[in-house]
Every structure is written in structure tokens, then in C-alpha cells.
Amino acid sequence: MNTLPATCDLLKPARGRPRAFDVDAVLDGAIAVFSERGYHGTSIGDLANAMGLTTGSIYKAFDDKRGVLLAAFARYRKVRRTLLLSAIAHARTGREKIRAVLGFYADAACGGSGQRGCLVVATATELAATDALAARDVDEAHASNEGLLRDLILLGQQDGSIGVEIDAQATARTMLCLQQGMRVVGKTDSRSREDMARIVDVAMAMLG
């Protein structure tokens, strides 16, 4: 995967002058199309339209479609993690923070966001079994999410909002599976925010 600066300078053949573009902005376009259509369902032409680049510019900057996906995946994880941490920042206890995490995923699984889908889920289902780098990235994303949930359960046990009898690791893994399952359901079936909120309530019952 290429490591790119905030902007990338490419030659513009028509005038022979460098053409700059914002890498984050073009990767956001790639995230949208990969999440909606999947890796195999997305063509270079689709990416060019979504990213606002020529196909030649895409190949120069990212080598190939796989290179775009790996860069988009890293961008997706960074953006989603920032949004998630912001969503839980004001919750006071470990228990409240876990509810905020689950609510974050429930919101993402509804409406247009749900139908667009999750890039982690899309990459896991299409490429993780056959592409070592994609599998590594998916594993790291899952481990990071599971680790956050485990830490929040432990925090809740320390502050008294979660019972000490709860198995933090196993419960965190169960909630990770629930999160990813919500994104799959949101992609394939139209669910209301109320439907997803009830799932969150059931998940919170695991904490006693």
C-alpha cells in the first residue's frame, strides 16, 4: 500500500503542470463506492467517477484497484474511530460508554448509511479468505474494536456500573459480533432506528 501525503501531485498531460488533489477527499469517494458495491462489484471506472480522478491518475497514485482499497480501508478506520471516540467521550461510566458504542453502530446500520454498508464487513466477506493484506487489516480492525469493548467493560467493573462476574473478553467478543451483524442486517434489510435500539437494549442485558 502506498503511503501518501495530504495532497498528491500528479502530472497533467494536457498542460505539463502538476495536478494536486486531496487524498482524504478522493479516498472518501472510494470508501463510498466500495462499501456500497463491494470490491468485485466496483470497477476502475466506478472509482474514477466516485473519486473525481482519471483512471490514469488512480493508477499513478495507487498502482491498482487493490491499492485503492487498502488505502481507503486505512482512511475508513481512522475516520470511524475518531467518530466513535467522540460519540462515547461524554458518557460517564463504562456501562454508559458501551451503550454509546452500540448506539453508534445501531445508527450506522439504519437508513442510507445502513444500505451503503460497512467497508470492514465488505472486505472481510470478499477478500479476507484470499488476500493476506486485506485479512490483516480486517483482523486489526476487529481486534481494535474488541479491545475497546473489553476495556470499557473493565472500566465499568471498576466504577461499579458492571458486575465483576462478567467475563470481559468473551462479552466484548460477543458484542463485536453483534456490531458487525447489525451492519450486515442494515445492508440487506431496511430496519428502523427503533428496531436497532431494541437490539442495543438486549445486548446491554449481557452486562447484568
C-alpha atoms as a PDB file:
ATOM      1  CA  MET A   1       0.000   0.000   0.000  1.00  0.00           C
ATOM      2  CA  ASN A   2       1.296   3.458  -0.867  1.00  0.00           C
ATOM      3  CA  THR A   3       1.853   5.945   1.922  1.00  0.00           C
ATOM      4  CA  LEU A   4       0.513   9.238   0.592  1.00  0.00           C
ATOM      5  CA  PRO A   5       0.853  12.806   1.893  1.00  0.00           C
ATOM      6  CA  ALA A   6      -2.125  15.094   2.483  1.00  0.00           C
ATOM      7  CA  THR A   7      -2.051  16.037  -1.187  1.00  0.00           C
ATOM      8  CA  CYS A   8      -0.635  14.150  -4.113  1.00  0.00           C
ATOM      9  CA  ASP A   9       0.991  15.832  -7.148  1.00  0.00           C
ATOM     10  CA  LEU A  10       0.473  14.146 -10.497  1.00  0.00           C
ATOM     11  CA  LEU A  11       1.473  15.204 -13.987  1.00  0.00           C
ATOM     12  CA  LYS A  12      -1.313  16.708 -16.020  1.00  0.00           C
ATOM     13  CA  PRO A  13      -0.504  15.664 -19.613  1.00  0.00           C
ATOM     14  CA  ALA A  14      -2.559  18.375 -21.293  1.00  0.00           C
ATOM     15  CA  ARG A  15      -0.533  21.232 -19.821  1.00  0.00           C
ATOM     16  CA  GLY A  16       2.523  19.557 -18.352  1.00  0.00           C
ATOM     17  CA  ARG A  17       1.882  21.077 -14.944  1.00  0.00           C
ATOM     18  CA  PRO A  18       1.450  19.264 -11.625  1.00  0.00           C
ATOM     19  CA  ARG A  19      -2.094  18.496 -10.613  1.00  0.00           C
ATOM     20  CA  ALA A  20      -2.783  18.288  -6.879  1.00  0.00           C
ATOM     21  CA  PHE A  21      -5.664  16.535  -5.196  1.00  0.00           C
ATOM     22  CA  ASP A  22      -6.684  15.971  -1.604  1.00  0.00           C
ATOM     23  CA  VAL A  23      -6.050  12.313  -0.837  1.00  0.00           C
ATOM     24  CA  ASP A  24      -8.542  12.142   2.020  1.00  0.00           C
ATOM     25  CA  ALA A  25     -11.300  13.530  -0.195  1.00  0.00           C
ATOM     26  CA  VAL A  26     -10.683  11.078  -3.036  1.00  0.00           C
ATOM     27  CA  LEU A  27     -10.443   8.160  -0.614  1.00  0.00           C
ATOM     28  CA  ASP A  28     -13.784   9.151   0.891  1.00  0.00           C
ATOM     29  CA  GLY A  29     -15.231   8.711  -2.585  1.00  0.00           C
ATOM     30  CA  ALA A  30     -13.618   5.294  -2.872  1.00  0.00           C
ATOM     31  CA  ILE A  31     -14.965   4.285   0.549  1.00  0.00           C
ATOM     32  CA  ALA A  32     -18.495   5.126  -0.528  1.00  0.00           C
ATOM     33  CA  VAL A  33     -18.401   3.049  -3.701  1.00  0.00           C
ATOM     34  CA  PHE A  34     -16.527   0.071  -2.204  1.00  0.00           C
ATOM     35  CA  SER A  35     -18.908  -0.031   0.763  1.00  0.00           C
ATOM     36  CA  GLU A  36     -21.970   0.051  -1.455  1.00  0.00           C
ATOM     37  CA  ARG A  37     -20.876  -2.247  -4.280  1.00  0.00           C
ATOM     38  CA  GLY A  38     -18.107  -4.349  -2.759  1.00  0.00           C
ATOM     39  CA  TYR A  39     -14.626  -4.860  -4.142  1.00  0.00           C
ATOM     40  CA  HIS A  40     -15.507  -7.168  -7.021  1.00  0.00           C
ATOM     41  CA  GLY A  41     -18.562  -5.122  -7.955  1.00  0.00           C
ATOM     42  CA  THR A  42     -16.531  -1.919  -8.280  1.00  0.00           C
ATOM     43  CA  SER A  43     -14.680  -1.110 -11.485  1.00  0.00           C
ATOM     44  CA  ILE A  44     -11.856   1.357 -12.014  1.00  0.00           C
ATOM     45  CA  GLY A  45     -14.382   3.448 -13.930  1.00  0.00           C
ATOM     46  CA  ASP A  46     -16.673   3.464 -10.873  1.00  0.00           C
ATOM     47  CA  LEU A  47     -13.744   4.590  -8.740  1.00  0.00           C
ATOM     48  CA  ALA A  48     -12.797   7.313 -11.195  1.00  0.00           C
ATOM     49  CA  ASN A  49     -16.322   8.711 -11.023  1.00  0.00           C
ATOM     50  CA  ALA A  50     -16.518   8.461  -7.242  1.00  0.00           C
ATOM     51  CA  MET A  51     -13.034   9.860  -6.618  1.00  0.00           C
ATOM     52  CA  GLY A  52     -13.172  12.575  -9.264  1.00  0.00           C
ATOM     53  CA  LEU A  53      -9.946  11.330 -10.892  1.00  0.00           C
ATOM     54  CA  THR A  54      -8.949   9.918 -14.223  1.00  0.00           C
ATOM     55  CA  THR A  55      -8.137   6.232 -14.365  1.00  0.00           C
ATOM     56  CA  GLY A  56      -4.558   7.161 -15.187  1.00  0.00           C
ATOM     57  CA  SER A  57      -4.310   9.283 -12.057  1.00  0.00           C
ATOM     58  CA  ILE A  58      -5.647   6.400  -9.968  1.00  0.00           C
ATOM     59  CA  TYR A  59      -3.022   4.010 -11.326  1.00  0.00           C
ATOM     60  CA  LYS A  60      -0.222   6.546 -10.765  1.00  0.00           C
ATOM     61  CA  ALA A  61      -1.236   7.221  -7.172  1.00  0.00           C
ATOM     62  CA  PHE A  62      -2.393   3.783  -6.004  1.00  0.00           C
ATOM     63  CA  ASP A  63      -0.986   1.264  -8.527  1.00  0.00           C
ATOM     64  CA  ASP A  64      -4.256  -0.631  -8.957  1.00  0.00           C
ATOM     65  CA  LYS A  65      -7.760  -1.201  -7.580  1.00  0.00           C
ATOM     66  CA  ARG A  66      -6.402  -3.231  -4.667  1.00  0.00           C
ATOM     67  CA  GLY A  67      -4.112  -0.358  -3.746  1.00  0.00           C
ATOM     68  CA  VAL A  68      -7.102   1.971  -3.655  1.00  0.00           C
ATOM     69  CA  LEU A  69      -8.987  -0.432  -1.406  1.00  0.00           C
ATOM     70  CA  LEU A  70      -6.146  -0.797   1.093  1.00  0.00           C
ATOM     71  CA  ALA A  71      -5.675   2.973   1.292  1.00  0.00           C
ATOM     72  CA  ALA A  72      -9.436   3.513   1.578  1.00  0.00           C
ATOM     73  CA  PHE A  73      -9.633   0.894   4.339  1.00  0.00           C
ATOM     74  CA  ALA A  74      -6.988   2.718   6.391  1.00  0.00           C
ATOM     75  CA  ARG A  75      -8.820   6.008   5.892  1.00  0.00           C
ATOM     76  CA  TYR A  76     -12.152   4.414   6.834  1.00  0.00           C
ATOM     77  CA  ARG A  77     -10.772   3.011  10.072  1.00  0.00           C
ATOM     78  CA  LYS A  78      -9.238   6.335  11.055  1.00  0.00           C
ATOM     79  CA  VAL A  79     -12.418   8.317  10.398  1.00  0.00           C
ATOM     80  CA  ARG A  80     -14.746   5.833  12.055  1.00  0.00           C
ATOM     81  CA  ARG A  81     -12.521   5.509  15.118  1.00  0.00           C
ATOM     82  CA  THR A  82     -12.442   9.292  15.555  1.00  0.00           C
ATOM     83  CA  LEU A  83     -16.229   9.488  15.279  1.00  0.00           C
ATOM     84  CA  LEU A  84     -16.701   6.585  17.685  1.00  0.00           C
ATOM     85  CA  LEU A  85     -14.431   8.032  20.357  1.00  0.00           C
ATOM     86  CA  SER A  86     -16.234  11.350  20.032  1.00  0.00           C
ATOM     87  CA  ALA A  87     -19.590   9.586  20.463  1.00  0.00           C
ATOM     88  CA  ILE A  88     -18.566   7.982  23.743  1.00  0.00           C
ATOM     89  CA  ALA A  89     -16.485  10.822  25.165  1.00  0.00           C
ATOM     90  CA  HIS A  90     -19.237  12.358  27.305  1.00  0.00           C
ATOM     91  CA  ALA A  91     -20.575   9.103  28.755  1.00  0.00           C
ATOM     92  CA  ARG A  92     -19.630   8.910  32.414  1.00  0.00           C
ATOM     93  CA  THR A  93     -19.402   5.219  33.276  1.00  0.00           C
ATOM     94  CA  GLY A  94     -18.111   2.167  31.491  1.00  0.00           C
ATOM     95  CA  ARG A  95     -21.664   0.904  31.087  1.00  0.00           C
ATOM     96  CA  GLU A  96     -22.838   4.182  29.541  1.00  0.00           C
ATOM     97  CA  LYS A  97     -19.855   4.199  27.189  1.00  0.00           C
ATOM     98  CA  ILE A  98     -20.686   0.685  25.979  1.00  0.00           C
ATOM     99  CA  ARG A  99     -24.266   1.745  25.295  1.00  0.00           C
ATOM    100  CA  ALA A 100     -22.884   4.681  23.318  1.00  0.00           C
ATOM    101  CA  VAL A 101     -20.648   2.334  21.294  1.00  0.00           C
ATOM    102  CA  LEU A 102     -23.558   0.025  20.464  1.00  0.00           C
ATOM    103  CA  GLY A 103     -25.759   3.025  19.682  1.00  0.00           C
ATOM    104  CA  PHE A 104     -23.104   4.299  17.291  1.00  0.00           C
ATOM    105  CA  TYR A 105     -23.244   1.038  15.345  1.00  0.00           C
ATOM    106  CA  ALA A 106     -27.040   0.911  15.533  1.00  0.00           C
ATOM    107  CA  ASP A 107     -27.254   4.371  13.967  1.00  0.00           C
ATOM    108  CA  ALA A 108     -24.831   3.349  11.216  1.00  0.00           C
ATOM    109  CA  ALA A 109     -26.959   0.285  10.402  1.00  0.00           C
ATOM    110  CA  CYS A 110     -30.108   2.314   9.670  1.00  0.00           C
ATOM    111  CA  GLY A 111     -31.375   4.106   6.586  1.00  0.00           C
ATOM    112  CA  GLY A 112     -28.989   5.275   3.889  1.00  0.00           C
ATOM    113  CA  SER A 113     -25.901   4.617   5.982  1.00  0.00           C
ATOM    114  CA  GLY A 114     -27.025   1.056   6.603  1.00  0.00           C
ATOM    115  CA  GLN A 115     -27.699   0.412   2.933  1.00  0.00           C
ATOM    116  CA  ARG A 116     -24.316   1.826   1.912  1.00  0.00           C
ATOM    117  CA  GLY A 117     -22.725  -0.714   4.212  1.00  0.00           C
ATOM    118  CA  CYS A 118     -19.511  -1.112   6.164  1.00  0.00           C
ATOM    119  CA  LEU A 119     -16.134  -1.326   4.454  1.00  0.00           C
ATOM    120  CA  VAL A 120     -14.788  -3.678   7.136  1.00  0.00           C
ATOM    121  CA  VAL A 121     -17.672  -6.112   6.569  1.00  0.00           C
ATOM    122  CA  ALA A 122     -17.351  -5.839   2.785  1.00  0.00           C
ATOM    123  CA  THR A 123     -13.614  -6.503   2.869  1.00  0.00           C
ATOM    124  CA  ALA A 124     -13.957  -9.368   5.344  1.00  0.00           C
ATOM    125  CA  THR A 125     -16.559 -11.191   3.275  1.00  0.00           C
ATOM    126  CA  GLU A 126     -14.940 -10.673  -0.133  1.00  0.00           C
ATOM    127  CA  LEU A 127     -11.181 -10.674   0.387  1.00  0.00           C
ATOM    128  CA  ALA A 128     -10.089 -11.838   3.833  1.00  0.00           C
ATOM    129  CA  ALA A 129     -10.004 -15.501   2.801  1.00  0.00           C
ATOM    130  CA  THR A 130      -7.779 -14.913  -0.234  1.00  0.00           C
ATOM    131  CA  ASP A 131      -5.782 -11.711   0.339  1.00  0.00           C
ATOM    132  CA  ALA A 132      -3.273 -11.688   3.187  1.00  0.00           C
ATOM    133  CA  LEU A 133      -3.040  -7.903   3.473  1.00  0.00           C
ATOM    134  CA  ALA A 134      -6.797  -7.482   3.456  1.00  0.00           C
ATOM    135  CA  ALA A 135      -7.106 -10.215   6.085  1.00  0.00           C
ATOM    136  CA  ARG A 136      -4.511  -8.483   8.243  1.00  0.00           C
ATOM    137  CA  ASP A 137      -6.341  -5.168   8.018  1.00  0.00           C
ATOM    138  CA  VAL A 138      -9.676  -6.768   8.877  1.00  0.00           C
ATOM    139  CA  ASP A 139      -8.137  -8.647  11.817  1.00  0.00           C
ATOM    140  CA  GLU A 140      -6.598  -5.432  13.133  1.00  0.00           C
ATOM    141  CA  ALA A 141      -9.921  -3.603  12.839  1.00  0.00           C
ATOM    142  CA  HIS A 142     -11.748  -6.357  14.706  1.00  0.00           C
ATOM    143  CA  ALA A 143      -9.060  -6.580  17.387  1.00  0.00           C
ATOM    144  CA  SER A 144      -9.174  -2.835  17.912  1.00  0.00           C
ATOM    145  CA  ASN A 145     -12.960  -2.787  18.297  1.00  0.00           C
ATOM    146  CA  GLU A 146     -12.967  -5.808  20.560  1.00  0.00           C
ATOM    147  CA  GLY A 147     -10.202  -4.314  22.667  1.00  0.00           C
ATOM    148  CA  LEU A 148     -12.131  -1.095  23.143  1.00  0.00           C
ATOM    149  CA  LEU A 149     -15.214  -3.003  24.288  1.00  0.00           C
ATOM    150  CA  ARG A 150     -13.156  -5.116  26.689  1.00  0.00           C
ATOM    151  CA  ASP A 151     -11.519  -2.020  28.168  1.00  0.00           C
ATOM    152  CA  LEU A 152     -14.906  -0.364  28.636  1.00  0.00           C
ATOM    153  CA  ILE A 153     -16.286  -3.445  30.382  1.00  0.00           C
ATOM    154  CA  LEU A 154     -13.277  -3.437  32.702  1.00  0.00           C
ATOM    155  CA  LEU A 155     -13.831   0.271  33.308  1.00  0.00           C
ATOM    156  CA  GLY A 156     -17.443  -0.467  34.188  1.00  0.00           C
ATOM    157  CA  GLN A 157     -16.342  -3.161  36.613  1.00  0.00           C
ATOM    158  CA  GLN A 158     -14.007  -0.672  38.257  1.00  0.00           C
ATOM    159  CA  ASP A 159     -16.620   2.071  38.558  1.00  0.00           C
ATOM    160  CA  GLY A 160     -19.334  -0.343  39.722  1.00  0.00           C
ATOM    161  CA  SER A 161     -21.658   0.010  36.743  1.00  0.00           C
ATOM    162  CA  ILE A 162     -20.947  -3.566  35.513  1.00  0.00           C
ATOM    163  CA  GLY A 163     -20.816  -6.671  37.700  1.00  0.00           C
ATOM    164  CA  VAL A 164     -17.413  -8.189  38.355  1.00  0.00           C
ATOM    165  CA  GLU A 165     -18.765 -11.634  37.435  1.00  0.00           C
ATOM    166  CA  ILE A 166     -18.989 -10.631  33.746  1.00  0.00           C
ATOM    167  CA  ASP A 167     -16.326 -12.217  31.520  1.00  0.00           C
ATOM    168  CA  ALA A 168     -14.927  -9.069  29.908  1.00  0.00           C
ATOM    169  CA  GLN A 169     -13.142 -10.784  27.000  1.00  0.00           C
ATOM    170  CA  ALA A 170     -15.955 -13.134  25.991  1.00  0.00           C
ATOM    171  CA  THR A 171     -18.603 -10.438  26.333  1.00  0.00           C
ATOM    172  CA  ALA A 172     -16.543  -7.998  24.271  1.00  0.00           C
ATOM    173  CA  ARG A 173     -16.197 -10.588  21.509  1.00  0.00           C
ATOM    174  CA  THR A 174     -19.927 -11.264  21.575  1.00  0.00           C
ATOM    175  CA  MET A 175     -20.660  -7.558  21.246  1.00  0.00           C
ATOM    176  CA  LEU A 176     -18.192  -7.272  18.377  1.00  0.00           C
ATOM    177  CA  CYS A 177     -20.110 -10.000  16.543  1.00  0.00           C
ATOM    178  CA  LEU A 178     -23.329  -8.153  17.282  1.00  0.00           C
ATOM    179  CA  GLN A 179     -21.940  -4.897  15.920  1.00  0.00           C
ATOM    180  CA  GLN A 180     -20.832  -6.466  12.668  1.00  0.00           C
ATOM    181  CA  GLY A 181     -24.102  -8.353  12.417  1.00  0.00           C
ATOM    182  CA  MET A 182     -26.034  -5.103  12.691  1.00  0.00           C
ATOM    183  CA  ARG A 183     -24.072  -3.713   9.742  1.00  0.00           C
ATOM    184  CA  VAL A 184     -24.865  -6.816   7.659  1.00  0.00           C
ATOM    185  CA  VAL A 185     -28.564  -6.646   8.516  1.00  0.00           C
ATOM    186  CA  GLY A 186     -28.627  -2.920   7.798  1.00  0.00           C
ATOM    187  CA  LYS A 187     -27.148  -3.569   4.361  1.00  0.00           C
ATOM    188  CA  THR A 188     -29.599  -6.251   3.328  1.00  0.00           C
ATOM    189  CA  ASP A 189     -32.802  -5.236   5.072  1.00  0.00           C
ATOM    190  CA  SER A 190     -34.419  -1.914   5.874  1.00  0.00           C
ATOM    191  CA  ARG A 191     -34.504  -1.535   9.643  1.00  0.00           C
ATOM    192  CA  SER A 192     -35.694   1.435  11.671  1.00  0.00           C
ATOM    193  CA  ARG A 193     -33.685   3.118  14.396  1.00  0.00           C
ATOM    194  CA  GLU A 194     -36.217   1.718  16.864  1.00  0.00           C
ATOM    195  CA  ASP A 195     -35.502  -1.831  15.670  1.00  0.00           C
ATOM    196  CA  MET A 196     -31.797  -1.351  16.226  1.00  0.00           C
ATOM    197  CA  ALA A 197     -32.332   0.361  19.582  1.00  0.00           C
ATOM    198  CA  ARG A 198     -34.098  -2.759  20.837  1.00  0.00           C
ATOM    199  CA  ILE A 199     -31.062  -4.819  19.833  1.00  0.00           C
ATOM    200  CA  VAL A 200     -28.895  -2.491  21.885  1.00  0.00           C
ATOM    201  CA  ASP A 201     -31.204  -2.995  24.890  1.00  0.00           C
ATOM    202  CA  VAL A 202     -30.882  -6.775  24.572  1.00  0.00           C
ATOM    203  CA  ALA A 203     -27.084  -6.511  24.274  1.00  0.00           C
ATOM    204  CA  MET A 204     -26.871  -4.343  27.369  1.00  0.00           C
ATOM    205  CA  ALA A 205     -28.668  -7.070  29.339  1.00  0.00           C
ATOM    206  CA  MET A 206     -25.487  -9.172  28.931  1.00  0.00           C
ATOM    207  CA  LEU A 207     -23.828  -6.779  31.362  1.00  0.00           C
ATOM    208  CA  GLY A 208     -26.284  -7.665  34.131  1.00  0.00           C
END
